[in-house]
Each structure stands twice: as structure tokens, then as C-alpha cells.
Amino acid sequence: MLSKKALSLLELILVVAIVAILLGISLLGIGLYNNRLELKTAEQILIQALNNARSNARKYSEDYSVSFDEHSFTISSNQKTKSYQLANIKLNQLKGSKTLVYYAPYGRTKATNFEFELVSSSGQSAKVYVYGVTGKVASLE
């Protein structure tokens, strides 16, 4: 009886095809994971920046205003201005005016509610809310 010690061309093509399919599926999953991670990072940057503006309005007794653009937002006071770029994330403002102001000395707003939607390039989204005159910031998933 002859023993078979080598792979046939058909077996080799089959193995390469299976590996290619598995690689394609994993690359798709990695791409979606990266988009979700980028979205979560932008969401955390927005929340942290808004909380810092609110806290600084109370701490330094100074008004802090936050203005929003499509891919960025800017926080400014009498003494400094800081801009945040959200790269591939689109910032949609669903509710509220174009500028949010935290008024000294309590860090409150005059607006009722603000609602933002962050949208990644793959279409995934996250929402950030600024509640009432207290200006508290939250995210709901």
C-alpha cells in the first residue's frame, strides 16, 4: 500500500480559501471594533470636557461657553480657549442652541436641555445629554 506524504493541489487551494475567508471576517470585525472604540473615545472626551467646563465655572467663578461645529467643539472663558477635534466623528446637535454656557458661580446653564449625537464613519452612534439648568452631563447607550 502506498502512503500519501504530500498535499494535492486541490487540498492546498481549499486550505488557502478557508484561511482567506477567516481573515476577511476577522478584518471586518477589527474595523467595526476600531470604529466603536473611536466613537467611545470621542464620547468620553466630550463628556469630560463639558464636566470640566461646568466644574471650572464653579471653581473660578467665571463663565465658560462651549460652541459646537460638525467635527469639533470649543470651550472658552475670559482667560483661555481650548478646541477639541473629533476627527472621523460627526457631532450632531439634536436639541439646544449652538452655544452652551456654564454661568458662574454655580456652573448652571440657562438652557433647558441639550442633546448631542456622535456618529462614526461606519454609522454607529452615541448620545450625550446635558440636563436642565444644572448642566449635568450623561450618556445613554
C-alpha atoms as a PDB file:
ATOM      1  CA  MET A   1       0.000   0.000   0.000  1.00  0.00           C
ATOM      2  CA  LEU A   2       1.302   3.429  -0.945  1.00  0.00           C
ATOM      3  CA  SER A   3       1.347   6.152   1.709  1.00  0.00           C
ATOM      4  CA  LYS A   4       0.388   9.703   0.796  1.00  0.00           C
ATOM      5  CA  LYS A   5       3.036  12.162   2.046  1.00  0.00           C
ATOM      6  CA  ALA A   6       2.245  15.335   0.083  1.00  0.00           C
ATOM      7  CA  LEU A   7      -0.749  17.631  -0.281  1.00  0.00           C
ATOM      8  CA  SER A   8      -2.577  17.678  -3.549  1.00  0.00           C
ATOM      9  CA  LEU A   9      -3.170  20.991  -5.304  1.00  0.00           C
ATOM     10  CA  LEU A  10      -6.896  20.801  -4.521  1.00  0.00           C
ATOM     11  CA  GLU A  11      -6.249  20.389  -0.793  1.00  0.00           C
ATOM     12  CA  LEU A  12      -3.850  23.324  -0.807  1.00  0.00           C
ATOM     13  CA  ILE A  13      -6.350  25.584  -2.614  1.00  0.00           C
ATOM     14  CA  LEU A  14      -9.078  24.586  -0.150  1.00  0.00           C
ATOM     15  CA  VAL A  15      -6.906  25.438   2.872  1.00  0.00           C
ATOM     16  CA  VAL A  16      -5.895  28.797   1.374  1.00  0.00           C
ATOM     17  CA  ALA A  17      -9.556  29.636   0.631  1.00  0.00           C
ATOM     18  CA  ILE A  18     -10.644  28.827   4.205  1.00  0.00           C
ATOM     19  CA  VAL A  19      -7.810  30.927   5.665  1.00  0.00           C
ATOM     20  CA  ALA A  20      -8.716  33.839   3.351  1.00  0.00           C
ATOM     21  CA  ILE A  21     -12.385  33.713   4.409  1.00  0.00           C
ATOM     22  CA  LEU A  22     -11.478  33.640   8.107  1.00  0.00           C
ATOM     23  CA  LEU A  23      -9.032  36.515   7.631  1.00  0.00           C
ATOM     24  CA  GLY A  24     -11.684  38.597   5.848  1.00  0.00           C
ATOM     25  CA  ILE A  25     -14.201  38.035   8.633  1.00  0.00           C
ATOM     26  CA  SER A  26     -11.679  38.951  11.323  1.00  0.00           C
ATOM     27  CA  LEU A  27     -10.587  42.123   9.493  1.00  0.00           C
ATOM     28  CA  LEU A  28     -14.213  43.236   9.252  1.00  0.00           C
ATOM     29  CA  GLY A  29     -14.659  42.660  12.976  1.00  0.00           C
ATOM     30  CA  ILE A  30     -11.478  44.582  13.789  1.00  0.00           C
ATOM     31  CA  GLY A  31     -12.639  47.517  11.646  1.00  0.00           C
ATOM     32  CA  LEU A  32     -16.004  47.680  13.426  1.00  0.00           C
ATOM     33  CA  TYR A  33     -14.260  47.429  16.796  1.00  0.00           C
ATOM     34  CA  ASN A  34     -11.930  50.314  15.895  1.00  0.00           C
ATOM     35  CA  ASN A  35     -14.891  52.479  14.818  1.00  0.00           C
ATOM     36  CA  ARG A  36     -16.717  51.730  18.066  1.00  0.00           C
ATOM     37  CA  LEU A  37     -13.582  52.480  20.094  1.00  0.00           C
ATOM     38  CA  GLU A  38     -13.095  55.785  18.266  1.00  0.00           C
ATOM     39  CA  LEU A  39     -16.740  56.693  18.942  1.00  0.00           C
ATOM     40  CA  LYS A  40     -16.461  55.815  22.647  1.00  0.00           C
ATOM     41  CA  THR A  41     -13.273  57.868  22.945  1.00  0.00           C
ATOM     42  CA  ALA A  42     -14.919  60.922  21.348  1.00  0.00           C
ATOM     43  CA  GLU A  43     -17.931  60.487  23.636  1.00  0.00           C
ATOM     44  CA  GLN A  44     -15.705  60.399  26.724  1.00  0.00           C
ATOM     45  CA  ILE A  45     -13.741  63.459  25.531  1.00  0.00           C
ATOM     46  CA  LEU A  46     -16.993  65.425  25.090  1.00  0.00           C
ATOM     47  CA  ILE A  47     -18.376  64.367  28.485  1.00  0.00           C
ATOM     48  CA  GLN A  48     -15.118  65.096  30.298  1.00  0.00           C
ATOM     49  CA  ALA A  49     -14.702  68.498  28.619  1.00  0.00           C
ATOM     50  CA  LEU A  50     -18.267  69.540  29.474  1.00  0.00           C
ATOM     51  CA  ASN A  51     -17.866  68.382  33.064  1.00  0.00           C
ATOM     52  CA  ASN A  52     -14.572  70.301  33.318  1.00  0.00           C
ATOM     53  CA  ALA A  53     -16.206  73.465  31.954  1.00  0.00           C
ATOM     54  CA  ARG A  54     -19.022  73.153  34.498  1.00  0.00           C
ATOM     55  CA  SER A  55     -16.576  72.500  37.324  1.00  0.00           C
ATOM     56  CA  ASN A  56     -14.287  75.378  36.315  1.00  0.00           C
ATOM     57  CA  ALA A  57     -17.223  77.795  36.166  1.00  0.00           C
ATOM     58  CA  ARG A  58     -17.893  76.987  39.814  1.00  0.00           C
ATOM     59  CA  LYS A  59     -14.252  76.805  40.867  1.00  0.00           C
ATOM     60  CA  TYR A  60     -13.034  80.052  39.268  1.00  0.00           C
ATOM     61  CA  SER A  61     -16.359  81.989  39.322  1.00  0.00           C
ATOM     62  CA  GLU A  62     -16.048  82.575  35.615  1.00  0.00           C
ATOM     63  CA  ASP A  63     -18.461  81.896  32.748  1.00  0.00           C
ATOM     64  CA  TYR A  64     -17.451  79.098  30.363  1.00  0.00           C
ATOM     65  CA  SER A  65     -19.028  78.824  26.923  1.00  0.00           C
ATOM     66  CA  VAL A  66     -18.985  75.768  24.705  1.00  0.00           C
ATOM     67  CA  SER A  67     -19.600  76.166  20.972  1.00  0.00           C
ATOM     68  CA  PHE A  68     -20.115  73.252  18.618  1.00  0.00           C
ATOM     69  CA  ASP A  69     -19.164  72.573  15.000  1.00  0.00           C
ATOM     70  CA  GLU A  70     -19.595  69.499  12.836  1.00  0.00           C
ATOM     71  CA  HIS A  71     -16.328  67.744  13.844  1.00  0.00           C
ATOM     72  CA  SER A  72     -15.174  69.834  16.808  1.00  0.00           C
ATOM     73  CA  PHE A  73     -16.153  71.922  19.790  1.00  0.00           C
ATOM     74  CA  THR A  74     -14.507  74.823  21.597  1.00  0.00           C
ATOM     75  CA  ILE A  75     -14.571  75.730  25.276  1.00  0.00           C
ATOM     76  CA  SER A  76     -13.717  79.317  26.137  1.00  0.00           C
ATOM     77  CA  SER A  77     -13.628  81.597  29.146  1.00  0.00           C
ATOM     78  CA  ASN A  78     -12.322  85.128  29.637  1.00  0.00           C
ATOM     79  CA  GLN A  79      -8.767  83.864  30.013  1.00  0.00           C
ATOM     80  CA  LYS A  80      -8.398  80.841  27.745  1.00  0.00           C
ATOM     81  CA  THR A  81      -9.816  78.912  24.837  1.00  0.00           C
ATOM     82  CA  LYS A  82      -9.409  75.228  24.072  1.00  0.00           C
ATOM     83  CA  SER A  83     -10.559  73.412  20.936  1.00  0.00           C
ATOM     84  CA  TYR A  84     -11.260  69.698  20.642  1.00  0.00           C
ATOM     85  CA  GLN A  85     -11.170  67.894  17.276  1.00  0.00           C
ATOM     86  CA  LEU A  86     -13.265  64.751  16.905  1.00  0.00           C
ATOM     87  CA  ALA A  87     -11.514  63.531  13.720  1.00  0.00           C
ATOM     88  CA  ASN A  88     -13.769  60.994  11.956  1.00  0.00           C
ATOM     89  CA  ILE A  89     -16.697  61.551  14.311  1.00  0.00           C
ATOM     90  CA  LYS A  90     -19.562  63.815  13.292  1.00  0.00           C
ATOM     91  CA  LEU A  91     -21.162  65.856  16.080  1.00  0.00           C
ATOM     92  CA  ASN A  92     -24.889  66.384  15.514  1.00  0.00           C
ATOM     93  CA  GLN A  93     -26.690  68.697  17.870  1.00  0.00           C
ATOM     94  CA  LEU A  94     -30.217  67.401  18.212  1.00  0.00           C
ATOM     95  CA  LYS A  95     -31.527  69.747  20.877  1.00  0.00           C
ATOM     96  CA  GLY A  96     -30.420  73.126  22.228  1.00  0.00           C
ATOM     97  CA  SER A  97     -28.667  76.171  20.827  1.00  0.00           C
ATOM     98  CA  LYS A  98     -25.258  76.300  19.113  1.00  0.00           C
ATOM     99  CA  THR A  99     -23.603  77.534  22.316  1.00  0.00           C
ATOM    100  CA  LEU A 100     -23.840  76.134  25.809  1.00  0.00           C
ATOM    101  CA  VAL A 101     -22.808  78.499  28.621  1.00  0.00           C
ATOM    102  CA  TYR A 102     -21.994  77.460  32.178  1.00  0.00           C
ATOM    103  CA  TYR A 103     -22.565  80.549  34.292  1.00  0.00           C
ATOM    104  CA  ALA A 104     -20.532  81.422  37.385  1.00  0.00           C
ATOM    105  CA  PRO A 105     -20.642  80.933  40.325  1.00  0.00           C
ATOM    106  CA  TYR A 106     -22.749  77.734  40.276  1.00  0.00           C
ATOM    107  CA  GLY A 107     -21.918  76.268  36.871  1.00  0.00           C
ATOM    108  CA  ARG A 108     -25.550  76.323  35.786  1.00  0.00           C
ATOM    109  CA  THR A 109     -26.980  76.836  32.322  1.00  0.00           C
ATOM    110  CA  LYS A 110     -29.948  78.870  31.163  1.00  0.00           C
ATOM    111  CA  ALA A 111     -30.937  76.278  28.605  1.00  0.00           C
ATOM    112  CA  THR A 112     -33.443  73.566  29.350  1.00  0.00           C
ATOM    113  CA  ASN A 113     -31.743  70.559  27.732  1.00  0.00           C
ATOM    114  CA  PHE A 114     -29.018  69.817  25.213  1.00  0.00           C
ATOM    115  CA  GLU A 115     -28.785  66.599  23.255  1.00  0.00           C
ATOM    116  CA  PHE A 116     -25.864  65.547  21.041  1.00  0.00           C
ATOM    117  CA  GLU A 117     -25.395  62.604  18.760  1.00  0.00           C
ATOM    118  CA  LEU A 118     -21.913  61.421  17.857  1.00  0.00           C
ATOM    119  CA  VAL A 119     -21.823  59.449  14.603  1.00  0.00           C
ATOM    120  CA  SER A 120     -18.850  57.397  13.431  1.00  0.00           C
ATOM    121  CA  SER A 121     -17.852  56.868   9.807  1.00  0.00           C
ATOM    122  CA  SER A 122     -19.473  53.405   9.915  1.00  0.00           C
ATOM    123  CA  GLY A 123     -22.817  54.847  11.056  1.00  0.00           C
ATOM    124  CA  GLN A 124     -22.631  53.813  14.714  1.00  0.00           C
ATOM    125  CA  SER A 125     -23.867  56.478  17.105  1.00  0.00           C
ATOM    126  CA  ALA A 126     -23.847  57.519  20.751  1.00  0.00           C
ATOM    127  CA  LYS A 127     -25.855  60.214  22.514  1.00  0.00           C
ATOM    128  CA  VAL A 128     -24.733  62.705  25.146  1.00  0.00           C
ATOM    129  CA  TYR A 129     -27.203  64.754  27.189  1.00  0.00           C
ATOM    130  CA  VAL A 130     -26.825  67.958  29.205  1.00  0.00           C
ATOM    131  CA  TYR A 131     -29.709  68.100  31.648  1.00  0.00           C
ATOM    132  CA  GLY A 132     -31.623  71.229  32.555  1.00  0.00           C
ATOM    133  CA  VAL A 133     -30.234  74.257  34.299  1.00  0.00           C
ATOM    134  CA  THR A 134     -27.915  72.113  36.436  1.00  0.00           C
ATOM    135  CA  GLY A 135     -25.810  71.309  33.361  1.00  0.00           C
ATOM    136  CA  LYS A 136     -25.134  67.726  34.412  1.00  0.00           C
ATOM    137  CA  VAL A 137     -23.780  65.583  31.590  1.00  0.00           C
ATOM    138  CA  ALA A 138     -24.726  61.962  30.920  1.00  0.00           C
ATOM    139  CA  SER A 139     -24.501  59.362  28.206  1.00  0.00           C
ATOM    140  CA  LEU A 140     -27.086  56.740  27.414  1.00  0.00           C
ATOM    141  CA  GLU A 141     -26.344  53.696  25.323  1.00  0.00           C
END
